[in-house]
Amino acid sequence: MRTETFEVKGMSCQHCKAAVKSALENVKGVEEARVNLEMGKVEVKFNKDESKLDKLKDEVRAAGYEVS
């Protein structure tokens, strides 16, 4: 398992938090996604053999948020 943390911009409410969490947890290989709305950060625990960090970031972008 690998854990990565990255910034997500554009989250402003609990719905945003849930949307990002759901987008990430629906990716194959993701075990857990923790979204910190106040800090604008996401911590994702995933199997590096099943998913890649770029794929996770792409899913957050597809949900309508900016990733840095």
C-alpha atoms as a PDB file:
ATOM      1  CA  MET A   1       0.000   0.000   0.000  1.00  0.00           C
ATOM      2  CA  ARG A   2       1.043   3.541  -0.709  1.00  0.00           C
ATOM      3  CA  THR A   3      -0.269   6.759   0.844  1.00  0.00           C
ATOM      4  CA  GLU A   4      -0.138  10.078  -1.000  1.00  0.00           C
ATOM      5  CA  THR A   5      -1.393  13.526  -0.048  1.00  0.00           C
ATOM      6  CA  PHE A   6      -2.218  16.259  -2.550  1.00  0.00           C
ATOM      7  CA  GLU A   7      -4.047  19.578  -2.681  1.00  0.00           C
ATOM      8  CA  VAL A   8      -7.524  19.954  -4.161  1.00  0.00           C
ATOM      9  CA  LYS A   9      -8.884  23.406  -4.966  1.00  0.00           C
ATOM     10  CA  GLY A  10     -12.523  24.294  -5.415  1.00  0.00           C
ATOM     11  CA  MET A  11     -13.991  22.368  -2.495  1.00  0.00           C
ATOM     12  CA  SER A  12     -16.268  24.598  -0.454  1.00  0.00           C
ATOM     13  CA  CYS A  13     -18.843  22.386   1.278  1.00  0.00           C
ATOM     14  CA  GLN A  14     -19.649  18.913   2.560  1.00  0.00           C
ATOM     15  CA  HIS A  15     -21.063  17.967  -0.846  1.00  0.00           C
ATOM     16  CA  CYS A  16     -17.695  18.796  -2.432  1.00  0.00           C
ATOM     17  CA  LYS A  17     -15.921  16.706   0.189  1.00  0.00           C
ATOM     18  CA  ALA A  18     -18.227  13.754  -0.464  1.00  0.00           C
ATOM     19  CA  ALA A  19     -17.846  14.088  -4.248  1.00  0.00           C
ATOM     20  CA  VAL A  20     -14.045  13.971  -4.070  1.00  0.00           C
ATOM     21  CA  LYS A  21     -14.072  11.086  -1.593  1.00  0.00           C
ATOM     22  CA  SER A  22     -16.489   9.113  -3.757  1.00  0.00           C
ATOM     23  CA  ALA A  23     -14.546   9.791  -6.961  1.00  0.00           C
ATOM     24  CA  LEU A  24     -11.381   8.445  -5.376  1.00  0.00           C
ATOM     25  CA  GLU A  25     -12.891   5.477  -3.577  1.00  0.00           C
ATOM     26  CA  ASN A  26     -14.480   4.286  -6.827  1.00  0.00           C
ATOM     27  CA  VAL A  27     -11.029   3.816  -8.391  1.00  0.00           C
ATOM     28  CA  LYS A  28      -9.799   0.232  -8.391  1.00  0.00           C
ATOM     29  CA  GLY A  29      -7.053  -0.220  -5.816  1.00  0.00           C
ATOM     30  CA  VAL A  30      -8.044   2.642  -3.531  1.00  0.00           C
ATOM     31  CA  GLU A  31      -8.485   1.457   0.030  1.00  0.00           C
ATOM     32  CA  GLU A  32      -9.291   4.792   1.659  1.00  0.00           C
ATOM     33  CA  ALA A  33      -9.590   8.484   0.846  1.00  0.00           C
ATOM     34  CA  ARG A  34      -9.555  11.128   3.563  1.00  0.00           C
ATOM     35  CA  VAL A  35     -10.637  14.612   2.531  1.00  0.00           C
ATOM     36  CA  ASN A  36      -9.773  17.604   4.699  1.00  0.00           C
ATOM     37  CA  LEU A  37     -12.115  20.335   3.496  1.00  0.00           C
ATOM     38  CA  GLU A  38     -10.612  23.082   5.653  1.00  0.00           C
ATOM     39  CA  MET A  39      -7.041  22.426   4.506  1.00  0.00           C
ATOM     40  CA  GLY A  40      -7.991  21.586   0.922  1.00  0.00           C
ATOM     41  CA  LYS A  41      -6.060  18.330   1.053  1.00  0.00           C
ATOM     42  CA  VAL A  42      -6.733  14.720   0.253  1.00  0.00           C
ATOM     43  CA  GLU A  43      -4.885  11.710   1.626  1.00  0.00           C
ATOM     44  CA  VAL A  44      -5.321   8.545  -0.399  1.00  0.00           C
ATOM     45  CA  LYS A  45      -4.257   5.037   0.551  1.00  0.00           C
ATOM     46  CA  PHE A  46      -4.038   2.798  -2.505  1.00  0.00           C
ATOM     47  CA  ASN A  47      -2.425  -0.277  -3.983  1.00  0.00           C
ATOM     48  CA  LYS A  48       0.304   1.045  -6.261  1.00  0.00           C
ATOM     49  CA  ASP A  49       0.082  -2.078  -8.426  1.00  0.00           C
ATOM     50  CA  GLU A  50      -3.594  -1.434  -9.217  1.00  0.00           C
ATOM     51  CA  SER A  51      -3.686   2.343  -9.527  1.00  0.00           C
ATOM     52  CA  LYS A  52      -1.361   5.274 -10.127  1.00  0.00           C
ATOM     53  CA  LEU A  53      -1.284   8.736  -8.564  1.00  0.00           C
ATOM     54  CA  ASP A  54      -1.917  10.387 -11.945  1.00  0.00           C
ATOM     55  CA  LYS A  55      -5.089   8.309 -12.370  1.00  0.00           C
ATOM     56  CA  LEU A  56      -6.324   9.402  -8.935  1.00  0.00           C
ATOM     57  CA  LYS A  57      -5.701  13.057  -9.731  1.00  0.00           C
ATOM     58  CA  ASP A  58      -7.477  12.656 -13.080  1.00  0.00           C
ATOM     59  CA  GLU A  59     -10.550  11.309 -11.287  1.00  0.00           C
ATOM     60  CA  VAL A  60     -10.640  14.332  -8.978  1.00  0.00           C
ATOM     61  CA  ARG A  61     -10.347  16.626 -12.007  1.00  0.00           C
ATOM     62  CA  ALA A  62     -13.163  14.724 -13.732  1.00  0.00           C
ATOM     63  CA  ALA A  63     -15.314  15.407 -10.652  1.00  0.00           C
ATOM     64  CA  GLY A  64     -14.785  19.130 -11.290  1.00  0.00           C
ATOM     65  CA  TYR A  65     -11.953  20.088  -8.963  1.00  0.00           C
ATOM     66  CA  GLU A  66      -8.454  21.435  -9.494  1.00  0.00           C
ATOM     67  CA  VAL A  67      -5.532  19.338  -8.316  1.00  0.00           C
ATOM     68  CA  SER A  68      -2.041  20.596  -7.564  1.00  0.00           C
END
